[in-house]
Amino acid sequence: MSRRSLFRAGLTLLTLTAAVLALRTLWHQWTALNAQPIEWQIDFGGLLLAIGAAAATYGVLIDSWRRVLAGYDHALSFRVAARIWILSNFGKYLPGSLWIIAGMTVMSKEEGVRPTAAVTSAAIMQALALVSGVVVGALAPGALAALPSWTVWVAGAFAVVSVAGLALLLSPQALDFLQALLPERAPRLEPIRASALATGLVGNLLSWLGYGLMIHWLAAGLIGGNAIPVATAAGAFAVAYLAGLLAVTVPAGIGVRELIFSTLLAPYVGARAAIALAVASRLLTTLIEFGLAVPAALWQRRAGTVPPPTSTP
């Protein structure tokens, strides 16, 4: 068996492992949701709006990554970018924090993307999510107060490092200096266009708003009323995401994210309803991910040679 075949077999095994872990998580979420002793007030209109907000948010994130990649003069169609983003996203169910980046990198290279551009664009999206999440969490009233003080400092430090790293990617001179410190066979570091970074940042900020709308309408669809303001929901989701991201040994931040999220929402809907919403939001996003993954896995790769890269319109 060739090295390429072995690599593909290993990647398939990892993907299947992530899918099995995601299914197990889905089952646990459903069991936990059924165990919540609250009176449900189902509103299908609110639930449909929550699903639409989550799906639209995924679309924004996919297009943002696609445009960040275009900052390295690589154009992917939205369909191809969606397949890569959706399937690699299951890497979060594996222990560690780098599987999503690794998955995006491998699948991007198979579409003709240069290795450096593939790795850097995936890492940029994670950095932008961290930076924008800190901003949104800081603006939401009392959101960061739910985290232990040391985690706030750690998140802030990561955000500062991320901003510094993103700034370096804009400077050819800085990259040339770093390149001189690397071994001769190391991939060539490439600067990215400032407009691509700006587009990625705006996309990430919009995604937190989308998640806030999802939580707002999910609450309306499950427990009735409009008790959770969109800004509060967005900040709570962002802070819970950051907490899960810092828990690098916990796959997908499971448990950590729900704890922080329910703590932040409890003053608005009560402790039991907040826990139910935390579990329901995870269940909803996991179901949507599976719903998107099925067609993504069935999409066939483009036949023939990948054309020379062009800028995304």
Protein backbone atom coordinates (compact mmCIF):
# COMPACT_ATOMS: atom_id res chain seq x y z
CA MET A 1 0.00 0.00 0.00
CA SER A 2 1.37 3.41 -0.95
CA ARG A 3 2.09 6.15 1.56
CA ARG A 4 -0.77 8.21 0.15
CA SER A 5 -3.20 5.29 0.58
CA LEU A 6 -2.06 4.77 4.16
CA PHE A 7 -2.50 8.47 4.86
CA ARG A 8 -6.02 8.43 3.43
CA ALA A 9 -6.88 5.34 5.47
CA GLY A 10 -5.62 7.03 8.64
CA LEU A 11 -7.58 10.19 7.87
CA THR A 12 -10.73 8.13 7.26
CA LEU A 13 -10.25 6.31 10.55
CA LEU A 14 -9.88 9.60 12.43
CA THR A 15 -12.99 10.98 10.74
CA LEU A 16 -15.02 7.91 11.66
CA THR A 17 -13.73 8.08 15.23
CA ALA A 18 -14.78 11.73 15.46
CA ALA A 19 -18.21 10.86 14.04
CA VAL A 20 -18.71 8.07 16.60
CA LEU A 21 -17.71 10.38 19.44
CA ALA A 22 -20.06 13.04 18.09
CA LEU A 23 -22.93 10.52 17.98
CA ARG A 24 -22.20 9.50 21.56
CA THR A 25 -22.23 13.15 22.56
CA LEU A 26 -25.52 13.61 20.73
CA TRP A 27 -27.10 10.71 22.66
CA HIS A 28 -25.86 12.05 26.00
CA GLN A 29 -27.22 15.50 25.13
CA TRP A 30 -30.63 14.09 24.28
CA THR A 31 -30.72 12.08 27.51
CA ALA A 32 -29.67 15.10 29.56
CA LEU A 33 -32.28 17.29 27.89
CA ASN A 34 -35.08 14.82 28.63
CA ALA A 35 -33.96 14.69 32.26
CA GLN A 36 -34.49 18.43 32.84
CA PRO A 37 -37.55 18.88 35.11
CA ILE A 38 -39.03 21.96 33.46
CA GLU A 39 -42.30 22.72 31.73
CA TRP A 40 -41.66 23.02 28.00
CA GLN A 41 -43.60 25.62 26.01
CA ILE A 42 -42.89 24.55 22.46
CA ASP A 43 -43.16 27.20 19.76
CA PHE A 44 -42.21 25.75 16.38
CA GLY A 45 -41.82 29.21 14.88
CA GLY A 46 -39.10 30.06 17.39
CA LEU A 47 -37.39 26.72 16.83
CA LEU A 48 -37.37 27.20 13.06
CA LEU A 49 -35.89 30.68 13.48
CA ALA A 50 -33.19 29.23 15.79
CA ILE A 51 -32.32 26.56 13.21
CA GLY A 52 -32.19 29.19 10.46
CA ALA A 53 -29.92 31.45 12.54
CA ALA A 54 -27.52 28.58 13.27
CA ALA A 55 -27.39 27.46 9.63
CA ALA A 56 -26.86 31.04 8.43
CA THR A 57 -24.06 31.47 10.98
CA TYR A 58 -22.29 28.41 9.61
CA GLY A 59 -22.65 29.89 6.12
CA VAL A 60 -21.03 33.15 7.28
CA LEU A 61 -18.12 31.29 8.88
CA ILE A 62 -17.57 29.17 5.78
CA ASP A 63 -17.55 32.17 3.48
CA SER A 64 -15.26 34.06 5.88
CA TRP A 65 -12.68 31.26 5.81
CA ARG A 66 -13.03 31.07 2.03
CA ARG A 67 -12.22 34.78 1.75
CA VAL A 68 -9.32 34.55 4.20
CA LEU A 69 -7.90 31.82 1.97
CA ALA A 70 -8.41 34.13 -1.01
CA GLY A 71 -6.02 36.51 0.75
CA TYR A 72 -3.35 34.01 -0.26
CA ASP A 73 -4.61 34.02 -3.88
CA HIS A 74 -6.44 30.71 -3.57
CA ALA A 75 -10.06 30.60 -4.70
CA LEU A 76 -12.40 27.83 -3.59
CA SER A 77 -16.04 27.69 -4.56
CA PHE A 78 -18.48 27.97 -1.66
CA ARG A 79 -19.52 24.35 -2.19
CA VAL A 80 -15.95 23.03 -1.90
CA ALA A 81 -15.18 25.31 1.04
CA ALA A 82 -18.37 24.16 2.78
CA ARG A 83 -17.44 20.48 2.37
CA ILE A 84 -13.98 21.07 3.84
CA TRP A 85 -15.23 23.23 6.71
CA ILE A 86 -18.14 20.99 7.67
CA LEU A 87 -16.21 17.71 7.66
CA SER A 88 -13.11 19.09 9.38
CA ASN A 89 -15.32 20.60 12.10
CA PHE A 90 -15.91 17.09 13.48
CA GLY A 91 -12.26 17.14 14.59
CA LYS A 92 -13.38 19.07 17.68
CA TYR A 93 -14.77 15.81 19.11
CA LEU A 94 -11.24 14.39 19.28
CA PRO A 95 -9.02 15.25 22.27
CA GLY A 96 -6.79 18.25 21.60
CA SER A 97 -7.36 21.58 19.86
CA LEU A 98 -5.57 21.16 16.53
CA TRP A 99 -7.66 18.53 14.75
CA ILE A 100 -9.93 21.06 13.05
CA ILE A 101 -6.91 22.92 11.67
CA ALA A 102 -5.30 19.64 10.61
CA GLY A 103 -8.44 18.50 8.81
CA MET A 104 -8.89 21.80 6.99
CA THR A 105 -5.24 21.77 6.00
CA VAL A 106 -5.26 18.24 4.58
CA MET A 107 -8.48 18.65 2.61
CA SER A 108 -7.43 22.09 1.31
CA LYS A 109 -4.15 20.68 0.02
CA GLU A 110 -6.11 18.08 -1.91
CA GLU A 111 -7.85 20.98 -3.69
CA GLY A 112 -4.50 22.42 -4.80
CA VAL A 113 -4.00 24.91 -1.97
CA ARG A 114 -0.39 25.56 -1.02
CA PRO A 115 0.53 23.95 2.34
CA THR A 116 1.50 27.23 3.99
CA ALA A 117 -1.73 28.93 2.89
CA ALA A 118 -3.81 25.95 4.03
CA VAL A 119 -2.30 25.85 7.53
CA THR A 120 -2.20 29.61 8.01
CA SER A 121 -5.76 30.29 6.84
CA ALA A 122 -7.15 27.64 9.19
CA ALA A 123 -5.11 28.99 12.10
CA ILE A 124 -6.19 32.55 11.27
CA MET A 125 -9.85 31.62 11.61
CA GLN A 126 -9.20 30.13 15.06
CA ALA A 127 -7.29 33.26 16.09
CA LEU A 128 -10.03 35.56 14.79
CA ALA A 129 -12.66 33.52 16.66
CA LEU A 130 -10.66 33.96 19.86
CA VAL A 131 -10.09 37.70 19.41
CA SER A 132 -13.68 38.45 18.38
CA GLY A 133 -15.03 36.20 21.16
CA VAL A 134 -13.10 38.17 23.79
CA VAL A 135 -14.48 41.43 22.36
CA VAL A 136 -18.09 40.19 22.31
CA GLY A 137 -17.77 38.64 25.77
CA ALA A 138 -16.30 41.84 27.19
CA LEU A 139 -19.15 43.94 25.75
CA ALA A 140 -21.90 41.67 27.14
CA PRO A 141 -22.94 42.79 30.66
CA GLY A 142 -21.31 40.58 33.28
CA ALA A 143 -20.34 37.85 30.83
CA LEU A 144 -16.65 37.58 31.70
CA ALA A 145 -17.53 37.66 35.40
CA ALA A 146 -18.71 34.06 35.11
CA LEU A 147 -15.19 32.88 34.38
CA PRO A 148 -12.50 32.43 37.05
CA SER A 149 -10.15 35.41 37.01
CA TRP A 150 -7.21 33.32 35.82
CA THR A 151 -9.11 32.13 32.75
CA VAL A 152 -9.97 35.73 31.85
CA TRP A 153 -6.27 36.61 32.01
CA VAL A 154 -5.36 33.54 29.96
CA ALA A 155 -8.01 34.32 27.35
CA GLY A 156 -6.81 37.92 27.21
CA ALA A 157 -3.21 36.80 26.82
CA PHE A 158 -4.16 34.45 23.98
CA ALA A 159 -6.10 37.27 22.34
CA VAL A 160 -3.09 39.61 22.56
CA VAL A 161 -0.79 36.94 21.13
CA SER A 162 -3.32 36.27 18.36
CA VAL A 163 -3.49 39.97 17.46
CA ALA A 164 0.32 40.16 17.39
CA GLY A 165 0.51 37.06 15.21
CA LEU A 166 -2.11 38.41 12.81
CA ALA A 167 -0.19 41.69 12.59
CA LEU A 168 2.98 39.79 11.68
CA LEU A 169 1.15 38.12 8.80
CA LEU A 170 0.61 41.54 7.24
CA SER A 171 4.32 42.44 7.17
CA PRO A 172 6.57 40.91 4.49
CA GLN A 173 9.62 42.22 6.37
CA ALA A 174 8.60 40.51 9.62
CA LEU A 175 7.93 37.26 7.79
CA ASP A 176 11.29 37.46 6.04
CA PHE A 177 12.95 37.84 9.46
CA LEU A 178 11.09 34.80 10.79
CA GLN A 179 11.87 32.83 7.64
CA ALA A 180 15.59 33.39 8.23
CA LEU A 181 15.24 31.69 11.62
CA LEU A 182 13.64 28.59 10.15
CA PRO A 183 15.41 25.62 8.50
CA GLU A 184 16.08 26.02 4.77
CA ARG A 185 13.52 23.34 3.86
CA ALA A 186 10.72 25.01 5.83
CA PRO A 187 7.71 26.20 3.76
CA ARG A 188 7.87 29.79 2.61
CA LEU A 189 5.97 32.20 4.90
CA GLU A 190 3.59 34.40 2.94
CA PRO A 191 1.94 37.72 3.88
CA ILE A 192 -1.83 37.97 3.66
CA ARG A 193 -3.87 40.87 2.33
CA ALA A 194 -5.25 43.16 5.04
CA SER A 195 -8.67 43.12 3.40
CA ALA A 196 -8.84 39.33 3.83
CA LEU A 197 -8.11 39.61 7.56
CA ALA A 198 -10.70 42.38 7.94
CA THR A 199 -13.30 40.27 6.15
CA GLY A 200 -12.54 37.30 8.39
CA LEU A 201 -12.84 39.45 11.52
CA VAL A 202 -16.18 40.90 10.42
CA GLY A 203 -17.41 37.40 9.60
CA ASN A 204 -16.47 36.13 13.07
CA LEU A 205 -18.18 39.08 14.76
CA LEU A 206 -21.31 38.43 12.72
CA SER A 207 -21.16 34.75 13.70
CA TRP A 208 -21.42 35.65 17.41
CA LEU A 209 -24.47 37.75 16.58
CA GLY A 210 -25.89 34.75 14.72
CA TYR A 211 -25.34 32.50 17.71
CA GLY A 212 -26.98 35.14 19.92
CA LEU A 213 -30.05 35.10 17.68
CA MET A 214 -30.04 31.31 17.79
CA ILE A 215 -30.12 31.28 21.60
CA HIS A 216 -32.72 34.06 21.77
CA TRP A 217 -35.09 32.18 19.46
CA LEU A 218 -34.28 28.79 20.95
CA ALA A 219 -35.37 30.09 24.35
CA ALA A 220 -38.56 31.45 22.80
CA GLY A 221 -39.16 28.12 21.07
CA LEU A 222 -38.65 25.94 24.16
CA ILE A 223 -39.68 27.91 27.24
CA GLY A 224 -41.67 30.79 25.75
CA GLY A 225 -41.20 34.53 25.93
CA ASN A 226 -38.23 36.71 24.98
CA ALA A 227 -36.42 36.79 28.32
CA ILE A 228 -32.88 36.59 26.89
CA PRO A 229 -31.67 39.69 25.00
CA VAL A 230 -29.72 38.94 21.83
CA ALA A 231 -26.60 40.80 23.07
CA THR A 232 -26.61 38.83 26.33
CA ALA A 233 -27.09 35.55 24.48
CA ALA A 234 -24.23 36.37 22.08
CA GLY A 235 -21.90 37.29 24.93
CA ALA A 236 -22.82 34.18 26.93
CA PHE A 237 -22.21 31.94 23.94
CA ALA A 238 -18.87 33.63 23.20
CA VAL A 239 -17.62 33.35 26.79
CA ALA A 240 -18.75 29.71 27.01
CA TYR A 241 -16.93 29.01 23.74
CA LEU A 242 -13.74 30.59 25.09
CA ALA A 243 -14.00 28.49 28.25
CA GLY A 244 -14.40 25.34 26.17
CA LEU A 245 -11.49 26.38 23.97
CA LEU A 246 -9.21 26.82 26.98
CA ALA A 247 -10.15 23.32 28.21
CA VAL A 248 -7.88 21.79 25.57
CA THR A 249 -8.11 18.25 26.96
CA VAL A 250 -11.92 18.19 26.80
CA PRO A 251 -13.28 17.27 23.34
CA ALA A 252 -15.43 20.15 22.00
CA GLY A 253 -15.37 21.69 25.50
CA ILE A 254 -18.25 19.39 26.47
CA GLY A 255 -19.48 20.09 29.99
CA VAL A 256 -17.28 23.16 30.44
CA ARG A 257 -19.18 25.18 27.87
CA GLU A 258 -22.57 24.11 29.23
CA LEU A 259 -21.60 25.00 32.81
CA ILE A 260 -20.49 28.54 31.95
CA PHE A 261 -23.37 29.07 29.55
CA SER A 262 -26.07 28.01 32.03
CA THR A 263 -24.46 30.14 34.76
CA LEU A 264 -24.72 33.22 32.58
CA LEU A 265 -28.32 32.58 31.52
CA ALA A 266 -29.66 31.58 34.95
CA PRO A 267 -30.48 35.18 36.03
CA TYR A 268 -32.76 35.52 33.01
CA VAL A 269 -34.64 32.21 32.89
CA GLY A 270 -33.79 30.39 36.11
CA ALA A 271 -31.21 27.69 36.80
CA ARG A 272 -33.16 24.70 35.48
CA ALA A 273 -34.24 26.38 32.25
CA ALA A 274 -30.69 27.72 31.75
CA ILE A 275 -29.24 24.20 31.99
CA ALA A 276 -31.88 22.94 29.58
CA LEU A 277 -31.07 25.72 27.10
CA ALA A 278 -27.34 25.02 27.38
CA VAL A 279 -27.90 21.36 26.56
CA ALA A 280 -30.50 22.16 23.88
CA SER A 281 -28.16 24.59 22.12
CA ARG A 282 -25.43 21.95 21.96
CA LEU A 283 -27.97 19.39 20.74
CA LEU A 284 -29.25 21.77 18.06
CA THR A 285 -25.80 22.65 16.70
CA THR A 286 -24.73 18.98 16.71
CA LEU A 287 -27.86 17.95 14.81
CA ILE A 288 -27.30 20.70 12.25
CA GLU A 289 -23.66 19.65 11.85
CA PHE A 290 -24.74 16.08 11.13
CA GLY A 291 -27.43 17.31 8.77
CA LEU A 292 -24.85 19.29 6.82
CA ALA A 293 -22.19 16.58 7.00
CA VAL A 294 -24.25 13.98 5.11
CA PRO A 295 -24.52 15.96 1.85
CA ALA A 296 -20.98 17.27 2.34
CA ALA A 297 -19.63 13.72 2.50
CA LEU A 298 -21.57 12.76 -0.62
CA TRP A 299 -20.38 15.69 -2.70
CA GLN A 300 -17.87 14.54 -5.27
CA ARG A 301 -14.60 16.36 -5.64
CA ARG A 302 -14.12 18.30 -8.80
CA ALA A 303 -12.70 16.19 -11.59
CA GLY A 304 -9.45 17.01 -13.30
CA THR A 305 -6.65 19.37 -12.38
CA VAL A 306 -7.35 22.30 -10.12
CA PRO A 307 -7.12 25.50 -12.16
CA PRO A 308 -4.56 28.18 -11.31
CA PRO A 309 -5.60 30.14 -8.22
CA THR A 310 -7.49 33.37 -8.64
CA SER A 311 -8.90 35.90 -6.26
CA THR A 312 -12.37 35.37 -4.81
CA PRO A 313 -14.85 37.91 -6.16
